Protein backbone atom coordinates (compact mmCIF):
# COMPACT_ATOMS: atom_id res chain seq x y z
CA MET A 1 -9.99 -6.76 4.82
CA LYS A 2 -11.65 -4.74 1.98
CA THR A 3 -14.85 -3.01 2.42
CA VAL A 4 -17.27 -2.92 -0.57
CA TYR A 5 -19.19 0.45 -0.93
CA ALA A 6 -21.76 2.10 -2.71
CA ILE A 7 -21.76 5.86 -3.79
CA VAL A 8 -25.02 7.95 -4.09
CA ASP A 9 -26.14 10.48 -6.19
CA GLU A 10 -28.07 12.88 -3.97
CA ASP A 11 -30.25 14.26 -6.55
CA THR A 12 -32.16 11.23 -6.81
CA GLY A 13 -31.28 9.06 -3.89
CA LYS A 14 -30.25 6.37 -5.76
CA ILE A 15 -26.86 4.54 -6.08
CA VAL A 16 -24.91 5.05 -8.18
CA TYR A 17 -21.72 2.84 -7.95
CA ILE A 18 -20.40 -0.16 -6.17
CA GLY A 19 -16.52 -0.64 -5.68
CA CYS A 20 -14.02 -2.41 -3.34
CA THR A 21 -10.97 -0.98 -1.11
CA LYS A 22 -8.67 -1.56 1.13
CA MET A 23 -8.75 2.18 2.31
CA THR A 24 -10.96 3.76 4.54
CA ILE A 25 -14.23 5.13 2.18
CA HIS A 26 -13.60 8.41 3.14
CA GLN A 27 -9.82 8.01 1.33
CA ARG A 28 -11.30 5.90 -1.41
CA MET A 29 -13.60 9.30 -1.94
CA TYR A 30 -11.31 11.18 -2.31
CA PHE A 31 -9.04 9.02 -4.44
CA HIS A 32 -11.81 9.13 -6.87
CA TRP A 33 -12.71 12.97 -6.79
CA TYR A 34 -9.39 13.36 -7.66
CA GLN A 35 -9.31 10.62 -10.55
CA ARG A 36 -12.02 12.27 -11.77
CA TYR A 37 -10.85 14.18 -14.91
CA LYS A 38 -8.01 11.99 -15.40
CA ARG A 39 -9.71 8.71 -16.30
CA ASN A 40 -12.74 8.38 -19.49
CA VAL A 41 -15.18 5.95 -17.80
CA PRO A 42 -18.70 6.40 -16.75
CA MET A 43 -18.47 6.76 -12.68
CA SER A 44 -15.79 9.67 -13.58
CA ILE A 45 -18.08 11.44 -15.95
CA TRP A 46 -20.64 11.90 -13.94
CA MET A 47 -18.31 13.14 -10.67
CA GLN A 48 -16.95 15.91 -13.36
CA SER A 49 -20.55 17.19 -12.80
CA LEU A 50 -20.45 17.58 -9.11
CA ASN A 51 -19.65 20.71 -6.89
CA GLU A 52 -18.47 18.15 -4.38
CA ILE A 53 -17.52 14.23 -3.62
CA PRO A 54 -21.09 12.56 -3.70
CA TYR A 55 -21.92 10.17 -0.43
CA ALA A 56 -20.85 6.75 0.05
CA TYR A 57 -21.70 4.08 2.58
CA GLU A 58 -20.35 0.65 3.37
CA LEU A 59 -22.22 -2.21 2.14
CA GLU A 60 -19.91 -4.69 3.58
CA ARG A 61 -17.17 -5.59 5.23
CA VAL A 62 -14.55 -8.76 4.16
CA ILE A 63 -12.20 -10.43 5.78
CA HIS A 64 -9.93 -12.19 3.32
CA ASP A 65 -9.03 -9.33 0.33
CA GLU A 66 -9.44 -12.58 -2.14
CA ASP A 67 -13.34 -12.21 -1.28
CA GLY A 68 -13.31 -8.09 -1.86
CA TYR A 69 -14.00 -8.73 -5.40
CA ASP A 70 -16.86 -11.59 -5.14
CA ALA A 71 -18.59 -9.98 -2.82
CA GLU A 72 -18.18 -6.78 -4.95
CA SER A 73 -19.47 -8.45 -7.88
CA ARG A 74 -22.36 -10.30 -5.52
CA TRP A 75 -23.51 -6.40 -4.51
CA ILE A 76 -23.54 -5.31 -8.68
CA ARG A 77 -24.97 -8.14 -9.36
CA PHE A 78 -27.76 -7.44 -6.69
CA PHE A 79 -28.44 -3.75 -7.60
CA ARG A 80 -28.47 -4.27 -11.49
CA GLY A 81 -31.22 -6.13 -10.51
CA VAL A 82 -33.02 -3.36 -8.43
CA PRO A 83 -35.78 -1.53 -10.75
CA GLY A 84 -34.76 2.25 -11.18
CA ILE A 85 -31.06 1.38 -10.26
CA GLN A 86 -28.60 2.14 -13.10
CA LEU A 87 -24.80 1.56 -11.89
CA LEU A 88 -22.01 3.44 -13.32
CA ASN A 89 -19.83 0.30 -13.29
CA VAL A 90 -17.50 -0.65 -15.73
CA SER A 91 -17.13 -4.40 -14.36
CA ASP A 92 -20.37 -6.84 -15.39
CA SER A 93 -21.55 -8.93 -13.40
CA HIS A 94 -18.97 -11.35 -13.69
CA GLY A 95 -16.02 -8.63 -11.33
CA SER A 96 -14.13 -6.00 -11.31
CA ALA A 97 -12.87 -4.41 -14.38
CA ARG A 98 -9.54 -4.78 -12.90
CA ASN A 99 -10.02 -8.22 -12.38
CA PHE A 100 -10.61 -8.77 -16.00
CA GLY A 101 -8.28 -7.89 -18.82
CA VAL A 102 -9.83 -6.67 -22.85
CA SER A 103 -9.92 -10.20 -23.53
CA GLY A 104 -12.26 -11.21 -20.47
CA ASN A 105 -9.66 -12.99 -18.96
CA GLN A 106 -9.27 -13.24 -15.16
CA ARG A 107 -6.08 -11.19 -14.66
CA SER A 108 -3.35 -12.55 -12.05
CA LYS A 109 -3.71 -11.14 -8.23
CA LYS A 110 0.06 -10.01 -8.84
CA THR A 111 -1.53 -7.90 -11.81
CA ARG A 112 -4.24 -6.45 -9.94
CA ASP A 113 -1.90 -5.91 -7.50
CA LYS A 114 0.13 -3.65 -9.68
CA ILE A 115 -2.80 -2.18 -11.40
CA SER A 116 -3.98 -0.80 -7.79
CA GLN A 117 -0.90 0.58 -6.77
CA SER A 118 -0.59 2.15 -10.54
CA LEU A 119 -4.04 3.87 -9.44
CA LEU A 120 -3.08 4.81 -6.25
CA GLY A 121 0.50 6.59 -7.32
CA VAL A 122 2.54 3.84 -6.27
CA PRO A 123 5.50 3.99 -8.74
CA THR A 124 7.04 0.35 -10.19
CA SER A 125 9.68 -1.04 -9.14
CA GLU A 126 12.58 -0.35 -11.35
CA ALA A 127 13.65 -4.26 -11.26
CA SER A 128 10.15 -4.98 -13.08
CA HIS A 129 11.69 -2.96 -16.04
CA GLN A 130 12.63 -4.95 -18.95
CA HIS A 131 16.12 -3.31 -19.87
CA GLY A 132 18.15 -3.40 -23.70
CA GLU A 133 17.46 -6.12 -25.93
CA LYS A 134 14.56 -8.08 -23.29
CA ASN A 135 12.94 -4.79 -23.78
CA GLY A 136 9.91 -5.96 -26.49
CA ASN A 137 10.48 -2.32 -28.24
CA ALA A 138 14.18 -2.66 -28.83
CA LYS A 139 15.74 -2.10 -32.17
CA LEU A 140 19.29 -3.25 -30.63
CA THR A 141 20.90 -5.95 -29.15
CA ASP A 142 23.55 -5.80 -26.44
CA HIS A 143 26.12 -6.42 -28.78
CA ASP A 144 25.26 -3.96 -31.01
CA VAL A 145 25.38 -1.70 -28.38
CA LEU A 146 28.75 -2.55 -27.60
CA MET A 147 29.75 -2.51 -31.26
CA ILE A 148 28.54 1.42 -31.37
CA ARG A 149 30.90 1.96 -28.80
CA GLN A 150 33.78 0.34 -30.31
CA GLU A 151 32.76 2.69 -33.63
CA PRO A 152 36.40 4.84 -34.24
CA VAL A 153 35.61 8.81 -33.36
CA ASN A 154 36.18 8.99 -36.91
CA VAL A 155 32.91 8.12 -37.90
CA THR A 156 30.31 10.60 -37.50
CA LEU A 157 27.06 9.28 -35.43
CA ARG A 158 24.67 9.84 -38.74
CA GLU A 159 26.39 7.26 -39.82
CA ILE A 160 26.23 4.79 -36.99
CA ALA A 161 22.38 5.87 -36.25
CA GLU A 162 22.27 4.66 -40.43
CA LYS A 163 24.04 1.46 -39.95
CA TYR A 164 21.75 0.18 -37.12
CA GLY A 165 18.63 2.02 -38.04
CA VAL A 166 18.29 4.23 -35.00
CA SER A 167 18.42 7.59 -34.57
CA LEU A 168 20.84 10.11 -33.93
CA MET A 169 20.71 10.83 -30.32
CA THR A 170 20.43 7.30 -29.87
CA VAL A 171 23.67 6.66 -30.77
CA HIS A 172 24.22 9.92 -28.86
CA ASN A 173 23.31 8.20 -25.71
CA ILE A 174 24.67 5.19 -25.66
CA ARG A 175 28.06 6.34 -26.40
CA THR A 176 27.64 8.98 -23.60
CA ARG A 177 26.13 6.02 -21.42
CA LYS A 178 23.07 7.62 -20.56
CA SER A 179 21.14 4.79 -22.01
CA TRP A 180 22.00 1.33 -21.88
CA LYS A 181 24.02 1.45 -18.88
CA HIS A 182 23.64 -1.94 -18.03
CA ILE A 183 25.82 -2.84 -20.70
CA LEU A 184 29.39 -2.20 -18.83
CA LYS A 185 32.12 -3.72 -21.44
CA ASN A 186 33.56 -1.54 -23.83
CA ILE A 187 34.70 -4.51 -26.30
CA ALA A 188 32.60 -7.37 -27.75
CA PRO A 189 32.46 -10.49 -26.27
């Protein structure tokens, strides 16, 4: 179940933000309050000027999680049409910002869930990280790592680093098995 909520500017009495959450509104407000200096979005910037957590109230409860963002979008469109209301929401009337990537394409449910978990401080699974040459930033292949580990001890780390185009620390970490731990063999295939 999700709740669509509205945050009110107590100075003006006007709604300034529409959100959707699985948490209680009280928990969500504490989350917004905690994140206000960590995020550079209009709502967080506005909250930085406040002395206390603003008031929020429930607009709608949604039974199916998938419908929560649709309800949030509907309420955003509604309040954007009310004269004198200027929402701080980053998203447009197409839905929540976490639902759409920079290109405007809708994000998958799995991606939306990961974003939500990340915002809640839930660590990502180690299994979701790409290791070794499967990591798009890797300069070395699994075979290169095996060859580095096979280099004779009389060859300096600097020579090995220059040969493979990596830093001394990278070579050191490979040889001491602090990195590329998933490569268990000492010999090349």
